């Protein structure tokens, strides 16, 4: 099931990689009331479903201020390209079984221009003293079944909030250049503890040209059109200006660092490979 397309909207001065989702980048489905529902579940319980590479879940510690003063919370992101038209969040506390975090959090209202979808859920009941795991289970028409798409699981470890907030790092190339190829090689500063990276390339008119995650091999570069990793959208650049940004993910699919946002220009009359890893 697909809805009418919407595309990324980047306001002037708005960082593409900011911790708070941009209103038109993310379709925010906020979980309210994250206690256990339906009593205890068996130890090690995982909801049934099918797994694959067509959806991914990440977690990130944020300071949420949407309902008042800023409080530590966990932002859960589901990136989807399956038949699901919604997702339900499951939580796992200190190694126990997965338990639904809440009832279905809301209705889905759109897709990106190539058909992938983004869902955002916020766990405001998170306690920094506990290990908390997350799993997404797809729904179709609001219903789960044994064939529902399952995401990967992601984990937030216990620790001090300030230590768990994402750090920052610098992208390296291309930087403010008018001579770059339509299939540029993107290079960034490696982040200690990162095993893969999430990349966005967005044209200045808000069209998404690349969105995906690198393979889980820790390499800090990506060749556009290589098809490596988990790709939701990938196409050669057209003559225009572009923004790009990178997130670093650890082995538990937790966002541990965010790059600055870079802008570059593709000019076919002066095209040349911008850099080497």
Protein backbone atom coordinates (compact mmCIF):
# COMPACT_ATOMS: atom_id res chain seq x y z
CA UNK A 1 0.00 0.00 0.00
CA UNK A 2 1.44 3.36 -1.01
CA UNK A 3 0.20 6.84 -0.33
CA UNK A 4 0.59 10.04 -2.31
CA UNK A 5 4.25 11.04 -2.62
CA UNK A 6 5.84 13.75 -0.52
CA UNK A 7 9.44 14.78 -0.77
CA UNK A 8 12.09 16.14 1.52
CA UNK A 9 11.82 19.81 2.36
CA UNK A 10 14.95 21.52 3.63
CA UNK A 11 14.45 25.00 5.04
CA UNK A 12 17.16 27.60 4.71
CA UNK A 13 19.72 27.05 7.45
CA UNK A 14 18.12 23.80 8.62
CA UNK A 15 20.74 21.08 9.22
CA UNK A 16 19.91 17.95 7.27
CA UNK A 17 21.31 15.82 10.07
CA UNK A 18 19.69 17.52 13.08
CA UNK A 19 18.53 15.30 15.96
CA UNK A 20 14.95 16.60 15.77
CA UNK A 21 13.32 15.26 12.58
CA UNK A 22 12.40 17.90 10.01
CA UNK A 23 8.66 18.13 9.60
CA UNK A 24 8.62 17.05 5.96
CA UNK A 25 11.57 14.69 6.21
CA UNK A 26 10.05 12.48 8.87
CA UNK A 27 6.47 11.41 9.38
CA UNK A 28 6.30 11.62 13.16
CA UNK A 29 4.26 8.93 14.87
CA UNK A 30 4.76 9.59 18.56
CA UNK A 31 4.39 6.80 21.09
CA UNK A 32 2.55 7.93 24.21
CA UNK A 33 2.50 5.76 27.28
CA UNK A 34 5.33 3.27 26.94
CA UNK A 35 4.53 0.89 29.76
CA UNK A 36 4.01 -2.83 29.36
CA UNK A 37 0.76 -3.85 27.74
CA UNK A 38 -0.94 -7.17 28.32
CA UNK A 39 1.26 -8.34 31.19
CA UNK A 40 4.58 -10.15 31.10
CA UNK A 41 5.79 -11.93 27.99
CA UNK A 42 7.88 -15.09 27.87
CA UNK A 43 11.60 -14.61 28.33
CA UNK A 44 13.28 -14.06 24.98
CA UNK A 45 9.96 -13.56 23.16
CA UNK A 46 10.31 -12.10 19.64
CA UNK A 47 7.12 -11.30 17.72
CA UNK A 48 6.77 -13.49 14.62
CA UNK A 49 7.41 -12.05 11.21
CA UNK A 50 9.77 -12.01 8.26
CA UNK A 51 13.15 -10.31 8.16
CA UNK A 52 15.09 -8.86 5.26
CA UNK A 53 17.01 -5.85 4.00
CA UNK A 54 14.04 -3.75 2.90
CA UNK A 55 13.62 -1.97 6.22
CA UNK A 56 15.95 -0.74 8.93
CA UNK A 57 15.56 0.62 12.44
CA UNK A 58 17.91 3.01 14.22
CA UNK A 59 17.84 4.51 17.71
CA UNK A 60 19.25 7.76 19.01
CA UNK A 61 19.36 9.40 22.43
CA UNK A 62 17.94 12.92 22.20
CA UNK A 63 16.73 15.68 24.49
CA UNK A 64 13.06 15.89 23.58
CA UNK A 65 11.16 19.14 24.09
CA UNK A 66 8.01 18.56 22.03
CA UNK A 67 5.75 18.42 25.09
CA UNK A 68 7.49 20.80 27.48
CA UNK A 69 10.96 21.14 28.99
CA UNK A 70 13.66 19.04 27.34
CA UNK A 71 13.92 15.53 28.76
CA UNK A 72 16.15 12.61 27.72
CA UNK A 73 14.36 10.27 25.32
CA UNK A 74 15.08 7.70 22.65
CA UNK A 75 14.12 8.50 19.09
CA UNK A 76 13.37 5.38 17.05
CA UNK A 77 13.48 5.66 13.26
CA UNK A 78 12.13 3.04 10.85
CA UNK A 79 13.18 3.28 7.21
CA UNK A 80 10.86 1.10 5.16
CA UNK A 81 10.45 -0.17 1.61
CA UNK A 82 8.13 -3.12 2.22
CA UNK A 83 4.39 -3.74 1.84
CA UNK A 84 3.84 -2.37 5.36
CA UNK A 85 1.88 0.87 5.64
CA UNK A 86 2.57 1.32 9.34
CA UNK A 87 4.78 0.04 12.16
CA UNK A 88 4.37 -0.97 15.76
CA UNK A 89 7.22 -0.56 18.21
CA UNK A 90 8.35 -3.37 20.53
CA UNK A 91 10.66 -2.82 23.48
CA UNK A 92 13.02 -5.12 25.34
CA UNK A 93 14.29 -4.14 28.79
CA UNK A 94 17.51 -5.59 30.23
CA UNK A 95 17.51 -8.66 27.98
CA UNK A 96 13.92 -9.78 28.55
CA UNK A 97 11.36 -10.58 25.88
CA UNK A 98 10.03 -7.96 23.47
CA UNK A 99 6.81 -6.31 24.60
CA UNK A 100 4.64 -3.87 22.59
CA UNK A 101 5.46 -0.32 23.68
CA UNK A 102 1.99 1.05 23.01
CA UNK A 103 -1.04 0.67 20.82
CA UNK A 104 -0.67 1.58 17.15
CA UNK A 105 0.73 5.10 17.34
CA UNK A 106 -1.00 6.69 14.36
CA UNK A 107 -1.79 6.71 10.66
CA UNK A 108 0.81 6.94 7.92
CA UNK A 109 0.47 9.96 5.64
CA UNK A 110 2.98 9.81 2.79
CA UNK A 111 6.09 8.48 1.05
CA UNK A 112 9.28 9.79 -0.50
CA UNK A 113 9.48 10.22 -4.26
CA UNK A 114 10.88 6.70 -4.79
CA UNK A 115 8.41 4.92 -2.53
CA UNK A 116 10.35 4.42 0.69
CA UNK A 117 8.80 5.52 3.93
CA UNK A 118 10.05 6.90 7.23
CA UNK A 119 8.41 6.49 10.63
CA UNK A 120 9.50 8.19 13.84
CA UNK A 121 8.56 7.12 17.36
CA UNK A 122 9.78 8.66 20.61
CA UNK A 123 10.24 6.69 23.83
CA UNK A 124 9.96 9.29 26.59
CA UNK A 125 9.75 6.60 29.25
CA UNK A 126 13.37 5.56 28.69
CA UNK A 127 15.56 5.21 31.77
CA UNK A 128 19.32 5.77 31.27
CA UNK A 129 20.03 3.16 33.95
CA UNK A 130 18.60 0.30 31.85
CA UNK A 131 19.59 -1.48 28.66
CA UNK A 132 16.71 -1.05 26.24
CA UNK A 133 16.23 -2.83 22.92
CA UNK A 134 13.80 -1.92 20.14
CA UNK A 135 12.19 -3.83 17.27
CA UNK A 136 9.70 -2.66 14.66
CA UNK A 137 6.91 -4.86 13.29
CA UNK A 138 5.10 -3.81 10.12
CA UNK A 139 1.35 -3.51 9.80
CA UNK A 140 -0.95 -3.55 6.78
CA UNK A 141 -4.22 -1.74 7.28
CA UNK A 142 -3.43 -1.54 10.99
CA UNK A 143 -3.06 -5.30 11.38
CA UNK A 144 -0.03 -7.40 12.33
CA UNK A 145 0.36 -11.01 11.24
CA UNK A 146 2.88 -13.82 11.23
CA UNK A 147 4.20 -12.51 7.92
CA UNK A 148 4.63 -8.93 9.10
CA UNK A 149 7.97 -7.37 8.13
CA UNK A 150 10.33 -7.22 11.12
CA UNK A 151 13.12 -4.68 11.37
CA UNK A 152 16.51 -5.35 12.85
CA UNK A 153 16.74 -4.89 16.60
CA UNK A 154 18.59 -1.86 18.00
CA UNK A 155 19.86 -1.26 21.52
CA UNK A 156 20.55 1.70 23.76
CA UNK A 157 23.03 0.82 26.54
CA UNK A 158 22.86 2.22 30.07
CA UNK A 159 24.98 5.25 30.78
CA UNK A 160 25.12 8.96 31.44
CA UNK A 161 22.83 10.87 29.08
CA UNK A 162 25.53 13.29 27.94
CA UNK A 163 27.78 10.36 27.04
CA UNK A 164 25.01 8.71 25.00
CA UNK A 165 24.08 11.78 22.96
CA UNK A 166 25.55 11.68 19.43
CA UNK A 167 28.83 13.45 18.82
CA UNK A 168 29.81 15.28 15.64
CA UNK A 169 32.36 14.73 12.90
CA UNK A 170 33.44 16.30 9.64
CA UNK A 171 32.70 15.23 6.11
CA UNK A 172 35.80 15.61 3.95
CA UNK A 173 34.89 15.64 0.29
CA UNK A 174 33.34 17.05 -1.85
CA UNK A 175 33.37 20.43 -0.09
CA UNK A 176 32.17 23.62 -1.79
CA UNK A 177 33.40 22.57 -5.20
CA UNK A 178 31.98 23.28 -8.66
CA UNK A 179 33.98 20.46 -10.27
CA UNK A 180 32.55 17.11 -9.28
CA UNK A 181 31.34 14.03 -11.12
CA UNK A 182 27.68 12.98 -11.41
CA UNK A 183 28.63 9.80 -9.54
CA UNK A 184 30.88 11.29 -6.84
CA UNK A 185 32.90 9.38 -4.32
CA UNK A 186 31.82 10.61 -0.88
CA UNK A 187 34.44 10.52 1.86
CA UNK A 188 34.12 11.38 5.54
CA UNK A 189 36.06 11.21 8.77
CA UNK A 190 35.92 7.71 10.33
CA UNK A 191 34.11 7.58 13.67
CA UNK A 192 35.45 5.29 16.43
CA UNK A 193 32.91 2.56 17.15
CA UNK A 194 30.96 3.04 13.91
CA UNK A 195 30.32 -0.05 11.78
CA UNK A 196 28.16 1.59 9.10
CA UNK A 197 26.94 5.00 8.01
CA UNK A 198 23.64 6.45 6.83
CA UNK A 199 23.97 8.94 3.96
CA UNK A 200 21.57 11.45 2.42
CA UNK A 201 22.13 13.48 -0.74
CA UNK A 202 19.39 16.01 -1.40
CA UNK A 203 19.21 18.53 -4.24
CA UNK A 204 18.61 22.15 -3.25
CA UNK A 205 15.10 21.93 -4.72
CA UNK A 206 14.41 19.19 -2.12
CA UNK A 207 14.57 16.16 -4.43
CA UNK A 208 16.23 13.14 -2.84
CA UNK A 209 19.00 11.65 -5.02
CA UNK A 210 20.52 9.18 -2.58
CA UNK A 211 19.37 7.69 0.69
CA UNK A 212 20.91 4.55 2.15
CA UNK A 213 23.28 2.87 4.56
CA UNK A 214 26.78 1.62 3.80
CA UNK A 215 27.76 -2.02 4.37
CA UNK A 216 28.58 -2.97 7.95
CA UNK A 217 32.33 -2.96 7.33
CA UNK A 218 33.25 0.39 8.83
CA UNK A 219 34.52 1.90 5.55
CA UNK A 220 34.15 5.70 5.65
CA UNK A 221 33.37 6.36 1.99
CA UNK A 222 30.72 5.58 -0.58
CA UNK A 223 30.79 5.55 -4.38
CA UNK A 224 27.48 6.73 -5.74
CA UNK A 225 25.81 4.12 -8.03
CA UNK A 226 27.81 1.25 -6.50
CA UNK A 227 24.62 -0.19 -4.98
CA UNK A 228 26.57 -1.25 -1.88
CA UNK A 229 24.91 -1.60 1.49
CA UNK A 230 21.19 -1.03 2.02
CA UNK A 231 19.99 1.46 -0.58
CA UNK A 232 16.54 3.02 -0.56
CA UNK A 233 17.16 5.40 -3.46
CA UNK A 234 20.17 5.94 -5.71
CA UNK A 235 20.58 7.79 -8.99
CA UNK A 236 23.21 9.91 -10.79
CA UNK A 237 23.25 13.58 -9.94
CA UNK A 238 21.95 16.19 -12.35
CA UNK A 239 23.48 19.62 -12.90
CA UNK A 240 22.57 21.40 -9.69
CA UNK A 241 23.57 22.08 -6.10
CA UNK A 242 23.29 19.39 -3.44
CA UNK A 243 23.34 18.96 0.32
CA UNK A 244 24.74 15.81 1.88
CA UNK A 245 25.13 14.57 5.44
CA UNK A 246 26.18 11.38 7.22
CA UNK A 247 25.20 9.60 10.44
CA UNK A 248 27.48 7.06 12.14
CA UNK A 249 25.86 3.87 13.49
CA UNK A 250 27.38 1.40 15.95
CA UNK A 251 26.93 -2.39 15.96
CA UNK A 252 23.63 -1.95 17.86
CA UNK A 253 22.17 0.39 15.17
CA UNK A 254 22.50 3.37 17.50
CA UNK A 255 23.35 6.80 16.08
CA UNK A 256 26.63 7.73 17.77
CA UNK A 257 27.67 10.74 15.65
CA UNK A 258 26.35 13.14 13.02
CA UNK A 259 28.32 15.00 10.39
CA UNK A 260 28.02 18.62 9.48
CA UNK A 261 25.95 19.31 6.38
CA UNK A 262 27.91 20.02 3.22
CA UNK A 263 26.83 21.65 -0.02
CA UNK A 264 28.44 20.96 -3.39
CA UNK A 265 27.70 21.62 -7.07
CA UNK A 266 27.69 19.19 -9.96
CA UNK A 267 28.85 20.94 -13.13
CA UNK A 268 29.22 18.52 -16.09
CA UNK A 269 31.34 21.02 -18.03
CA UNK A 270 34.07 20.78 -15.43
CA UNK A 271 33.41 17.30 -14.07
CA UNK A 272 36.24 15.36 -12.46
CA UNK A 273 36.40 12.88 -9.59
CA UNK A 274 36.49 15.01 -6.45
CA UNK A 275 38.60 12.84 -4.15
CA UNK A 276 39.96 9.41 -3.29
CA UNK A 277 39.52 7.49 -0.03
